[in-house]
PDB file of all heavy atoms in Angstrom:
ATOM      1  N   GLY A   1      -0.344   5.602  13.772  1.00  0.00           N
ATOM      2  CA  GLY A   1      -0.336   4.913  15.056  1.00  0.00           C
ATOM      3  C   GLY A   1       0.532   3.678  15.117  1.00  0.00           C
ATOM      4  O   GLY A   1       0.459   2.906  16.074  1.00  0.00           O
ATOM      5  N   CYS A   2       1.371   3.478  14.106  1.00  0.00           N
ATOM      6  CA  CYS A   2       2.324   2.367  14.142  1.00  0.00           C
ATOM      7  C   CYS A   2       3.523   2.734  13.270  1.00  0.00           C
ATOM      8  O   CYS A   2       3.439   3.617  12.429  1.00  0.00           O
ATOM      9  CB  CYS A   2       1.693   1.055  13.692  1.00  0.00           C
ATOM     10  SG  CYS A   2       1.194   0.997  11.966  1.00  0.00           S
ATOM     11  N   ASP A   3       4.633   2.035  13.500  1.00  0.00           N
ATOM     12  CA  ASP A   3       5.826   2.356  12.717  1.00  0.00           C
ATOM     13  C   ASP A   3       5.972   1.507  11.467  1.00  0.00           C
ATOM     14  O   ASP A   3       6.864   1.733  10.657  1.00  0.00           O
ATOM     15  CB  ASP A   3       7.089   2.280  13.570  1.00  0.00           C
ATOM     16  CG  ASP A   3       7.329   0.907  14.165  1.00  0.00           C
ATOM     17  OD1 ASP A   3       6.525  -0.014  13.920  1.00  0.00           O
ATOM     18  OD2 ASP A   3       8.329   0.754  14.894  1.00  0.00           O
ATOM     19  N   GLY A   4       5.081   0.547  11.296  1.00  0.00           N
ATOM     20  CA  GLY A   4       5.144  -0.264  10.089  1.00  0.00           C
ATOM     21  C   GLY A   4       4.138  -1.397  10.121  1.00  0.00           C
ATOM     22  O   GLY A   4       3.484  -1.643  11.131  1.00  0.00           O
ATOM     23  N   GLU A   5       4.034  -2.073   8.976  1.00  0.00           N
ATOM     24  CA  GLU A   5       3.121  -3.198   8.861  1.00  0.00           C
ATOM     25  C   GLU A   5       3.509  -4.036   7.647  1.00  0.00           C
ATOM     26  O   GLU A   5       4.287  -3.613   6.802  1.00  0.00           O
ATOM     27  CB  GLU A   5       1.681  -2.725   8.741  1.00  0.00           C
ATOM     28  CG  GLU A   5       1.410  -1.857   7.521  1.00  0.00           C
ATOM     29  CD  GLU A   5      -0.012  -1.316   7.509  1.00  0.00           C
ATOM     30  OE1 GLU A   5      -0.952  -2.134   7.572  1.00  0.00           O
ATOM     31  OE2 GLU A   5      -0.162  -0.084   7.439  1.00  0.00           O
ATOM     32  N   GLN A   6       2.951  -5.217   7.602  1.00  0.00           N
ATOM     33  CA  GLN A   6       3.121  -6.125   6.470  1.00  0.00           C
ATOM     34  C   GLN A   6       1.807  -6.172   5.705  1.00  0.00           C
ATOM     35  O   GLN A   6       0.744  -6.310   6.316  1.00  0.00           O
ATOM     36  CB  GLN A   6       3.455  -7.534   6.951  1.00  0.00           C
ATOM     37  CG  GLN A   6       4.750  -7.664   7.704  1.00  0.00           C
ATOM     38  CD  GLN A   6       5.938  -7.709   6.775  1.00  0.00           C
ATOM     39  OE1 GLN A   6       5.881  -8.304   5.718  1.00  0.00           O
ATOM     40  NE2 GLN A   6       7.015  -7.080   7.180  1.00  0.00           N
ATOM     41  N   VAL A   7       1.876  -6.041   4.394  1.00  0.00           N
ATOM     42  CA  VAL A   7       0.689  -6.159   3.549  1.00  0.00           C
ATOM     43  C   VAL A   7       1.004  -7.118   2.405  1.00  0.00           C
ATOM     44  O   VAL A   7       2.177  -7.353   2.088  1.00  0.00           O
ATOM     45  CB  VAL A   7       0.231  -4.786   2.981  1.00  0.00           C
ATOM     46  CG1 VAL A   7      -0.131  -3.829   4.102  1.00  0.00           C
ATOM     47  CG2 VAL A   7       1.283  -4.189   2.077  1.00  0.00           C
ATOM     48  N   ASP A   8      -0.041  -7.663   1.799  1.00  0.00           N
ATOM     49  CA  ASP A   8       0.169  -8.478   0.609  1.00  0.00           C
ATOM     50  C   ASP A   8       0.744  -7.587  -0.484  1.00  0.00           C
ATOM     51  O   ASP A   8       0.320  -6.441  -0.650  1.00  0.00           O
ATOM     52  CB  ASP A   8      -1.146  -9.083   0.126  1.00  0.00           C
ATOM     53  CG  ASP A   8      -1.658 -10.165   1.057  1.00  0.00           C
ATOM     54  OD1 ASP A   8      -0.852 -10.752   1.815  1.00  0.00           O
ATOM     55  OD2 ASP A   8      -2.877 -10.426   1.035  1.00  0.00           O
ATOM     56  N   ARG A   9       1.713  -8.092  -1.201  1.00  0.00           N
ATOM     57  CA  ARG A   9       2.297  -7.322  -2.293  1.00  0.00           C
ATOM     58  C   ARG A   9       1.196  -6.994  -3.298  1.00  0.00           C
ATOM     59  O   ARG A   9       0.407  -7.852  -3.671  1.00  0.00           O
ATOM     60  CB  ARG A   9       3.427  -8.112  -2.961  1.00  0.00           C
ATOM     61  CG  ARG A   9       4.207  -7.241  -3.931  1.00  0.00           C
ATOM     62  CD  ARG A   9       5.484  -7.884  -4.433  1.00  0.00           C
ATOM     63  NE  ARG A   9       6.446  -7.966  -3.364  1.00  0.00           N
ATOM     64  CZ  ARG A   9       7.184  -9.048  -3.117  1.00  0.00           C
ATOM     65  NH1 ARG A   9       7.067 -10.110  -3.863  1.00  0.00           N
ATOM     66  NH2 ARG A   9       8.046  -9.057  -2.130  1.00  0.00           N
ATOM     67  N   PRO A  10       1.126  -5.731  -3.724  1.00  0.00           N
ATOM     68  CA  PRO A  10       0.046  -5.340  -4.639  1.00  0.00           C
ATOM     69  C   PRO A  10       0.217  -5.952  -6.029  1.00  0.00           C
ATOM     70  O   PRO A  10       1.288  -6.450  -6.384  1.00  0.00           O
ATOM     71  CB  PRO A  10       0.155  -3.815  -4.685  1.00  0.00           C
ATOM     72  CG  PRO A  10       1.561  -3.516  -4.319  1.00  0.00           C
ATOM     73  CD  PRO A  10       2.000  -4.605  -3.380  1.00  0.00           C
ATOM     74  N   ALA A  11      -0.837  -5.862  -6.796  1.00  0.00           N
ATOM     75  CA  ALA A  11      -0.854  -6.402  -8.157  1.00  0.00           C
ATOM     76  C   ALA A  11       0.224  -5.756  -9.021  1.00  0.00           C
ATOM     77  O   ALA A  11       0.655  -4.622  -8.764  1.00  0.00           O
ATOM     78  CB  ALA A  11      -2.225  -6.165  -8.789  1.00  0.00           C
ATOM     79  N   ALA A  12       0.638  -6.469 -10.053  1.00  0.00           N
ATOM     80  CA  ALA A  12       1.634  -5.953 -10.995  1.00  0.00           C
ATOM     81  C   ALA A  12       1.177  -4.613 -11.547  1.00  0.00           C
ATOM     82  O   ALA A  12      -0.007  -4.424 -11.842  1.00  0.00           O
ATOM     83  CB  ALA A  12       1.847  -6.952 -12.131  1.00  0.00           C
ATOM     84  N   GLY A  13       2.096  -3.684 -11.651  1.00  0.00           N
ATOM     85  CA  GLY A  13       1.803  -2.372 -12.204  1.00  0.00           C
ATOM     86  C   GLY A  13       1.343  -1.350 -11.185  1.00  0.00           C
ATOM     87  O   GLY A  13       1.176  -0.176 -11.516  1.00  0.00           O
ATOM     88  N   THR A  14       1.129  -1.766  -9.937  1.00  0.00           N
ATOM     89  CA  THR A  14       0.699  -0.837  -8.891  1.00  0.00           C
ATOM     90  C   THR A  14       1.834   0.118  -8.554  1.00  0.00           C
ATOM     91  O   THR A  14       2.961  -0.310  -8.308  1.00  0.00           O
ATOM     92  CB  THR A  14       0.267  -1.601  -7.621  1.00  0.00           C
ATOM     93  OG1 THR A  14      -0.797  -2.486  -7.952  1.00  0.00           O
ATOM     94  CG2 THR A  14      -0.163  -0.657  -6.514  1.00  0.00           C
ATOM     95  N   THR A  15       1.538   1.400  -8.545  1.00  0.00           N
ATOM     96  CA  THR A  15       2.549   2.404  -8.196  1.00  0.00           C
ATOM     97  C   THR A  15       2.492   2.699  -6.700  1.00  0.00           C
ATOM     98  O   THR A  15       1.539   2.343  -6.006  1.00  0.00           O
ATOM     99  CB  THR A  15       2.323   3.718  -8.966  1.00  0.00           C
ATOM    100  OG1 THR A  15       1.085   4.302  -8.522  1.00  0.00           O
ATOM    101  CG2 THR A  15       2.313   3.498 -10.471  1.00  0.00           C
ATOM    102  N   VAL A  16       3.509   3.389  -6.224  1.00  0.00           N
ATOM    103  CA  VAL A  16       3.527   3.834  -4.828  1.00  0.00           C
ATOM    104  C   VAL A  16       2.288   4.691  -4.560  1.00  0.00           C
ATOM    105  O   VAL A  16       1.609   4.516  -3.548  1.00  0.00           O
ATOM    106  CB  VAL A  16       4.826   4.610  -4.522  1.00  0.00           C
ATOM    107  CG1 VAL A  16       4.763   5.251  -3.152  1.00  0.00           C
ATOM    108  CG2 VAL A  16       6.047   3.698  -4.643  1.00  0.00           C
ATOM    109  N   ARG A  17       1.970   5.589  -5.466  1.00  0.00           N
ATOM    110  CA  ARG A  17       0.794   6.457  -5.310  1.00  0.00           C
ATOM    111  C   ARG A  17      -0.492   5.619  -5.217  1.00  0.00           C
ATOM    112  O   ARG A  17      -1.360   5.891  -4.382  1.00  0.00           O
ATOM    113  CB  ARG A  17       0.703   7.425  -6.493  1.00  0.00           C
ATOM    114  CG  ARG A  17      -0.383   8.464  -6.377  1.00  0.00           C
ATOM    115  CD  ARG A  17      -0.440   9.359  -7.615  1.00  0.00           C
ATOM    116  NE  ARG A  17       0.845   9.886  -8.022  1.00  0.00           N
ATOM    117  CZ  ARG A  17       1.395  11.003  -7.541  1.00  0.00           C
ATOM    118  NH1 ARG A  17       0.754  11.712  -6.636  1.00  0.00           N
ATOM    119  NH2 ARG A  17       2.566  11.420  -7.989  1.00  0.00           N
ATOM    120  N   ASP A  18      -0.620   4.580  -6.064  1.00  0.00           N
ATOM    121  CA  ASP A  18      -1.788   3.694  -6.018  1.00  0.00           C
ATOM    122  C   ASP A  18      -1.894   3.009  -4.657  1.00  0.00           C
ATOM    123  O   ASP A  18      -2.979   2.924  -4.074  1.00  0.00           O
ATOM    124  CB  ASP A  18      -1.700   2.600  -7.091  1.00  0.00           C
ATOM    125  CG  ASP A  18      -1.716   3.106  -8.512  1.00  0.00           C
ATOM    126  OD1 ASP A  18      -2.251   4.213  -8.759  1.00  0.00           O
ATOM    127  OD2 ASP A  18      -1.190   2.375  -9.387  1.00  0.00           O
ATOM    128  N   LEU A  19      -0.768   2.511  -4.174  1.00  0.00           N
ATOM    129  CA  LEU A  19      -0.758   1.808  -2.891  1.00  0.00           C
ATOM    130  C   LEU A  19      -1.130   2.754  -1.758  1.00  0.00           C
ATOM    131  O   LEU A  19      -1.894   2.398  -0.854  1.00  0.00           O
ATOM    132  CB  LEU A  19       0.602   1.159  -2.651  1.00  0.00           C
ATOM    133  CG  LEU A  19       0.739   0.347  -1.368  1.00  0.00           C
ATOM    134  CD1 LEU A  19      -0.332  -0.732  -1.272  1.00  0.00           C
ATOM    135  CD2 LEU A  19       2.128  -0.266  -1.281  1.00  0.00           C
ATOM    136  N   MET A  20      -0.633   3.985  -1.819  1.00  0.00           N
ATOM    137  CA  MET A  20      -0.979   4.966  -0.799  1.00  0.00           C
ATOM    138  C   MET A  20      -2.489   5.226  -0.812  1.00  0.00           C
ATOM    139  O   MET A  20      -3.107   5.344   0.252  1.00  0.00           O
ATOM    140  CB  MET A  20      -0.195   6.255  -1.017  1.00  0.00           C
ATOM    141  CG  MET A  20       1.286   6.099  -0.716  1.00  0.00           C
ATOM    142  SD  MET A  20       2.263   7.530  -1.198  1.00  0.00           S
ATOM    143  CE  MET A  20       1.667   8.747  -0.033  1.00  0.00           C
ATOM    144  N   ALA A  21      -3.089   5.292  -1.983  1.00  0.00           N
ATOM    145  CA  ALA A  21      -4.541   5.502  -2.082  1.00  0.00           C
ATOM    146  C   ALA A  21      -5.299   4.316  -1.491  1.00  0.00           C
ATOM    147  O   ALA A  21      -6.311   4.500  -0.799  1.00  0.00           O
ATOM    148  CB  ALA A  21      -4.947   5.736  -3.537  1.00  0.00           C
ATOM    149  N   MET A  22      -4.826   3.103  -1.733  1.00  0.00           N
ATOM    150  CA  MET A  22      -5.467   1.911  -1.175  1.00  0.00           C
ATOM    151  C   MET A  22      -5.390   1.936   0.352  1.00  0.00           C
ATOM    152  O   MET A  22      -6.370   1.618   1.038  1.00  0.00           O
ATOM    153  CB  MET A  22      -4.827   0.640  -1.719  1.00  0.00           C
ATOM    154  CG  MET A  22      -5.170   0.363  -3.168  1.00  0.00           C
ATOM    155  SD  MET A  22      -4.504  -1.222  -3.729  1.00  0.00           S
ATOM    156  CE  MET A  22      -3.014  -0.695  -4.540  1.00  0.00           C
ATOM    157  N   LEU A  23      -4.238   2.316   0.874  1.00  0.00           N
ATOM    158  CA  LEU A  23      -4.078   2.393   2.324  1.00  0.00           C
ATOM    159  C   LEU A  23      -4.956   3.500   2.908  1.00  0.00           C
ATOM    160  O   LEU A  23      -5.584   3.316   3.949  1.00  0.00           O
ATOM    161  CB  LEU A  23      -2.610   2.623   2.692  1.00  0.00           C
ATOM    162  CG  LEU A  23      -1.657   1.477   2.377  1.00  0.00           C
ATOM    163  CD1 LEU A  23      -0.212   1.925   2.513  1.00  0.00           C
ATOM    164  CD2 LEU A  23      -1.943   0.283   3.279  1.00  0.00           C
ATOM    165  N   ALA A  24      -5.003   4.647   2.239  1.00  0.00           N
ATOM    166  CA  ALA A  24      -5.811   5.776   2.725  1.00  0.00           C
ATOM    167  C   ALA A  24      -7.285   5.394   2.812  1.00  0.00           C
ATOM    168  O   ALA A  24      -8.012   5.901   3.673  1.00  0.00           O
ATOM    169  CB  ALA A  24      -5.616   6.991   1.828  1.00  0.00           C
ATOM    170  N   ALA A  25      -7.727   4.484   1.945  1.00  0.00           N
ATOM    171  CA  ALA A  25      -9.130   4.070   1.935  1.00  0.00           C
ATOM    172  C   ALA A  25      -9.506   3.232   3.162  1.00  0.00           C
ATOM    173  O   ALA A  25     -10.694   2.988   3.404  1.00  0.00           O
ATOM    174  CB  ALA A  25      -9.432   3.284   0.656  1.00  0.00           C
TER     175      ALA A  25
END
């Protein structure tokens, strides 16, 4: 429902897959 957003940069070592899981939650 949006074309983008700003989030806090994730912790060191976070992968794209990890970030996607955090967003999906």
